[in-house]
C-alpha atoms as a PDB file:
ATOM      1  CA  UNK A   1     -28.099  53.861  27.411  1.00  0.00           C
ATOM      2  CA  UNK A   2     -30.855  51.640  26.005  1.00  0.00           C
ATOM      3  CA  UNK A   3     -28.276  49.207  24.649  1.00  0.00           C
ATOM      4  CA  UNK A   4     -26.627  48.925  28.074  1.00  0.00           C
ATOM      5  CA  UNK A   5     -29.974  48.267  29.745  1.00  0.00           C
ATOM      6  CA  UNK A   6     -30.769  45.596  27.161  1.00  0.00           C
ATOM      7  CA  UNK A   7     -27.379  43.931  27.733  1.00  0.00           C
ATOM      8  CA  UNK A   8     -28.007  43.868  31.479  1.00  0.00           C
ATOM      9  CA  UNK A   9     -31.406  42.322  30.790  1.00  0.00           C
ATOM     10  CA  UNK A  10     -29.852  39.659  28.538  1.00  0.00           C
ATOM     11  CA  UNK A  11     -27.217  38.822  31.159  1.00  0.00           C
ATOM     12  CA  UNK A  12     -29.936  38.529  33.798  1.00  0.00           C
ATOM     13  CA  UNK A  13     -32.008  36.221  31.610  1.00  0.00           C
ATOM     14  CA  UNK A  14     -29.153  33.961  30.608  1.00  0.00           C
ATOM     15  CA  UNK A  15     -27.194  33.862  33.882  1.00  0.00           C
ATOM     16  CA  UNK A  16     -29.839  33.910  36.577  1.00  0.00           C
ATOM     17  CA  UNK A  17     -32.795  32.252  34.862  1.00  0.00           C
ATOM     18  CA  UNK A  18     -30.448  29.831  33.090  1.00  0.00           C
ATOM     19  CA  UNK A  19     -28.757  29.074  36.408  1.00  0.00           C
ATOM     20  CA  UNK A  20     -32.033  28.272  38.101  1.00  0.00           C
ATOM     21  CA  UNK A  21     -33.120  25.993  35.263  1.00  0.00           C
ATOM     22  CA  UNK A  22     -29.652  24.408  35.176  1.00  0.00           C
ATOM     23  CA  UNK A  23     -29.812  23.644  38.896  1.00  0.00           C
ATOM     24  CA  UNK A  24     -33.178  21.958  38.381  1.00  0.00           C
ATOM     25  CA  UNK A  25     -31.902  19.913  35.420  1.00  0.00           C
ATOM     26  CA  UNK A  26     -28.802  18.860  37.384  1.00  0.00           C
ATOM     27  CA  UNK A  27     -31.043  17.819  40.288  1.00  0.00           C
ATOM     28  CA  UNK A  28     -33.148  15.671  37.940  1.00  0.00           C
ATOM     29  CA  UNK A  29     -29.994  14.186  36.401  1.00  0.00           C
ATOM     30  CA  UNK A  30     -28.587  13.325  39.825  1.00  0.00           C
ATOM     31  CA  UNK A  31     -31.858  11.634  40.833  1.00  0.00           C
ATOM     32  CA  UNK A  32     -31.664   9.575  37.647  1.00  0.00           C
ATOM     33  CA  UNK A  33     -28.084   8.561  38.463  1.00  0.00           C
ATOM     34  CA  UNK A  34     -26.525  10.521  35.604  1.00  0.00           C
ATOM     35  CA  UNK A  35     -22.876  11.531  35.910  1.00  0.00           C
ATOM     36  CA  UNK A  36     -23.215  15.309  35.972  1.00  0.00           C
ATOM     37  CA  UNK A  37     -19.464  15.929  35.731  1.00  0.00           C
ATOM     38  CA  UNK A  38     -19.251  14.103  32.411  1.00  0.00           C
ATOM     39  CA  UNK A  39     -22.593  14.900  30.784  1.00  0.00           C
ATOM     40  CA  UNK A  40     -23.792  18.063  32.553  1.00  0.00           C
ATOM     41  CA  UNK A  41     -22.561  20.311  29.755  1.00  0.00           C
ATOM     42  CA  UNK A  42     -25.211  18.888  27.427  1.00  0.00           C
ATOM     43  CA  UNK A  43     -27.991  20.067  29.704  1.00  0.00           C
ATOM     44  CA  UNK A  44     -26.377  23.486  29.972  1.00  0.00           C
ATOM     45  CA  UNK A  45     -26.119  23.810  26.194  1.00  0.00           C
ATOM     46  CA  UNK A  46     -29.771  22.770  25.861  1.00  0.00           C
ATOM     47  CA  UNK A  47     -30.825  25.476  28.297  1.00  0.00           C
ATOM     48  CA  UNK A  48     -28.767  28.118  26.512  1.00  0.00           C
ATOM     49  CA  UNK A  49     -30.298  27.175  23.153  1.00  0.00           C
ATOM     50  CA  UNK A  50     -33.820  27.336  24.603  1.00  0.00           C
ATOM     51  CA  UNK A  51     -33.143  30.720  26.181  1.00  0.00           C
ATOM     52  CA  UNK A  52     -31.738  31.988  22.871  1.00  0.00           C
ATOM     53  CA  UNK A  53     -34.870  30.913  20.988  1.00  0.00           C
ATOM     54  CA  UNK A  54     -37.102  32.395  23.692  1.00  0.00           C
ATOM     55  CA  UNK A  55     -35.207  35.688  23.619  1.00  0.00           C
ATOM     56  CA  UNK A  56     -35.148  35.994  19.834  1.00  0.00           C
ATOM     57  CA  UNK A  57     -38.824  35.101  19.410  1.00  0.00           C
ATOM     58  CA  UNK A  58     -40.365  36.892  22.383  1.00  0.00           C
ATOM     59  CA  UNK A  59     -38.226  38.868  24.827  1.00  0.00           C
ATOM     60  CA  UNK A  60     -36.342  41.055  22.349  1.00  0.00           C
ATOM     61  CA  UNK A  61     -39.590  42.782  21.438  1.00  0.00           C
ATOM     62  CA  UNK A  62     -40.437  43.751  25.019  1.00  0.00           C
ATOM     63  CA  UNK A  63     -37.086  45.317  25.931  1.00  0.00           C
ATOM     64  CA  UNK A  64     -35.497  48.728  25.758  1.00  0.00           C
ATOM     65  CA  UNK A  65     -33.611  48.307  22.495  1.00  0.00           C
ATOM     66  CA  UNK A  66     -35.559  49.481  19.456  1.00  0.00           C
ATOM     67  CA  UNK A  67     -32.838  49.512  16.777  1.00  0.00           C
ATOM     68  CA  UNK A  68     -32.547  47.515  13.614  1.00  0.00           C
ATOM     69  CA  UNK A  69     -31.990  43.770  13.481  1.00  0.00           C
ATOM     70  CA  UNK A  70     -34.985  42.884  15.629  1.00  0.00           C
ATOM     71  CA  UNK A  71     -36.733  40.028  13.907  1.00  0.00           C
ATOM     72  CA  UNK A  72     -37.987  36.633  14.945  1.00  0.00           C
ATOM     73  CA  UNK A  73     -36.263  33.414  14.036  1.00  0.00           C
ATOM     74  CA  UNK A  74     -38.026  31.572  11.243  1.00  0.00           C
ATOM     75  CA  UNK A  75     -40.355  28.769  12.246  1.00  0.00           C
ATOM     76  CA  UNK A  76     -38.049  26.125  10.767  1.00  0.00           C
ATOM     77  CA  UNK A  77     -34.984  27.433  12.599  1.00  0.00           C
ATOM     78  CA  UNK A  78     -36.953  27.602  15.847  1.00  0.00           C
ATOM     79  CA  UNK A  79     -38.155  24.015  15.433  1.00  0.00           C
ATOM     80  CA  UNK A  80     -34.650  22.737  14.657  1.00  0.00           C
ATOM     81  CA  UNK A  81     -33.085  24.550  17.624  1.00  0.00           C
ATOM     82  CA  UNK A  82     -35.793  23.364  20.017  1.00  0.00           C
ATOM     83  CA  UNK A  83     -35.405  19.794  18.713  1.00  0.00           C
ATOM     84  CA  UNK A  84     -31.637  19.943  19.229  1.00  0.00           C
ATOM     85  CA  UNK A  85     -32.207  21.284  22.728  1.00  0.00           C
ATOM     86  CA  UNK A  86     -34.616  18.478  23.630  1.00  0.00           C
ATOM     87  CA  UNK A  87     -32.189  15.890  22.276  1.00  0.00           C
ATOM     88  CA  UNK A  88     -29.362  17.439  24.311  1.00  0.00           C
ATOM     89  CA  UNK A  89     -31.516  17.288  27.454  1.00  0.00           C
ATOM     90  CA  UNK A  90     -32.430  13.652  26.914  1.00  0.00           C
ATOM     91  CA  UNK A  91     -28.951  12.417  25.968  1.00  0.00           C
ATOM     92  CA  UNK A  92     -27.151  12.563  29.370  1.00  0.00           C
ATOM     93  CA  UNK A  93     -29.335   9.988  31.159  1.00  0.00           C
ATOM     94  CA  UNK A  94     -29.309   7.730  28.086  1.00  0.00           C
ATOM     95  CA  UNK A  95     -25.544   7.954  27.619  1.00  0.00           C
ATOM     96  CA  UNK A  96     -24.913   7.505  31.322  1.00  0.00           C
ATOM     97  CA  UNK A  97     -27.068   4.371  31.341  1.00  0.00           C
ATOM     98  CA  UNK A  98     -25.460   2.772  28.301  1.00  0.00           C
ATOM     99  CA  UNK A  99     -21.855   3.801  28.907  1.00  0.00           C
ATOM    100  CA  UNK A 100     -21.606   2.999  32.611  1.00  0.00           C
END
């Protein structure tokens, strides 16, 4: 039962919170004149990576699941994933500007 509750919690975090953040990012992209249809997937991937890092480093320890395999990402992995996410968020406006 605890595993099912944790899965529901993960789906809520990734779908609903990710959807809200994605809508905000798409709004910012549209205000900057970025083609969302072509480059919107980069922003979505950035959000998913950030949510993954946030879940693995913080939220997994406050949930219902208490089994094995609960450990934080290393600091280096976290830094690399966050850097990739920031790059993915910044790329759509830059690519849209240079390739249009």
